[in-house]
Amino acid sequence: MGTTGQGQAGQDAAEVNGQAVRGRSVVGGILAGLRLTVTSGVTGAAVAAVVVGVILERVPVFLSGGGVLILLILVGFVAGRRSPGPGDPPVTRTALARIEDLRATSGESADVPVDFRLTVAPDDRPAYRVNINEHINLVDIPVYRPRGIAVVEYRPDEPWEVRIVTRPTPEWSRRAEEAEIDSAPGSTLVEKPGMSEGSWCMLVLFTFLAGAALVVLLFRGELFTSGDDEASSSKRPSATSSASSSRTFTTSTTVSGPSSSLLVLGRMRQTAAELEARVGTADVTAIVIEERRMEIRGDSARPPGETVHIQMLPYELFPALVHEARTTLGVRDPKSWRIDVTPDAGTGAGPRVRVTVTGKEGTARLDADATARILDRRPVGETAEGR
C-alpha cells in the first residue's frame, strides 16, 4: 500500500486508546439522548398544563405550566450562549486516502459541496471505506480526481469523521505523490452509528405527546365530566307546585359545538323544540335567548292570553334583529346581546320581542312585534319611556 506501520506496540496502544474514547463517546450519546427525551417530555407536560389550566380556569395549573415553559426557554437561552468548557479536544490523525469517486452536488457559490467516496489508509490500522461530503473551492476541484491520492484527517475513535486536508504539509504532499493505495473492499465501509434524524424526531414527538397525555390523564375527571355536569344541570327543570291543578317551571339549556351560537340558522327553533319537549307544554310566560343559552319560564295557571306559544315565534328573523341592534343603536363594540319574549296582554297585539345589546358605551334596545317588525328603538344614552 505505500504506507508504513508503527509496530505492534504502537498499534496495541492506539487500539486501547481508541476503545476508551469510543466508550466515552457512547456514554455521551446516551446522556444526550436522555436529556433530549426528558426535555421534550417536560415541554409537552408544561404545554398541556397551560391548556388545562385555561379550560378548567385553574390558575395554579396554568402558572405551573407557564413557569416551566419560561424556565425551559431561559435554560436553553443560557446554554446556547455559554461557551463550551475546556474539554479534551478530539484526537485526530493524518493519513492518505484514495479517491474512489467524487461528485459535486451544486455550484451556486465559490465553495462547492462535493460527495467523496474514499479508501482511507491509516498507518496503524487496516484501510477502510468511507463516504463524506466536503466543501471544496472551485479553484481546487481539478486537483481531486478518481483514483487520485489525497491527504485526510480522521478520528481514531470515530473513523467515519474524515476531513480532506486542502493544504497539507510538504512531507504529506510528497507522500501523497509517491503513494499507491489499493481500493478497500465495500464490506469495510464505516458509517456513523445511531438513530437517524427522522428517528430522533419521532422520539421527541412521542415523548412530547406522552408528557401532554400524562397531564390530561391527571385532570381527566374534571375535563370530561364538567361539561356533562353542566349540561345535565341545565337540562334539569326546576319546578314548583302551588296546587294540584297548577305548576310553574323554569328550564334552560346551553348549546355547544363548533357552531355553538344560537344565531346559526335553525338553531333557535331546534333548541326551542327541545325545551318544549322537556317541560311538556308549548305555552310559556317568558323566553330568554342569549348567545349560547335559551331559557323558558311558565305557569300553568296563566290564561292563554298571558302566555306565548313557543313554536309560533319567527326565530329565523331574530338574527336580523340582533344585527340591527348591534349596528344601529350606538354600541360600537357590543359585548353581549339578549332577546326577551313576553306576552303583551294589555293590548292583545301578541308577544313582544325586545333585543338588548350591551357594550362599553352602555346599553341599547329595540322592540319588535311577533312578526319581527321593529316598533321602537332606544339607542345608547336615551331614557327609556313607557310604551
Foldseek 3Di string as FASTA:
>chain_A
DLAAADDPVVLVVLVVVLVVVLVVVVVVVVVVLVVLLVLLLLLLLLVLQLVVCVVLVPVVSNVVSVVSVVVSVVVVVVVVPDDDDPDDDFDKDKFKKAFADKDFPDDPDQFTKMKTWIFTPDRNDHTAIEIDIGTHGPVCVVVDDHRAMFMWMAGSNQRNPIGTDSDDDPVVVVSRVPDHDDDDDNVRYDDDDDDDPVVSVVSSVVSSVVSSVVNCVVCVVCVVCVVVVVQVVQLDKDKDDPDPQKIKIKGKGFADDPQQFCLPAPNQLVRLVVVCVSVVAQWFFKWKHWGGMIMTIHMPVDDSQFTARSNLAPSRCVSVQQVCQCPPQPAPDWPIKMWMWGHDSPPSQGIKIKIWTQHPLGIWIWIDHRNRHTDGTGHRPRDDDDD
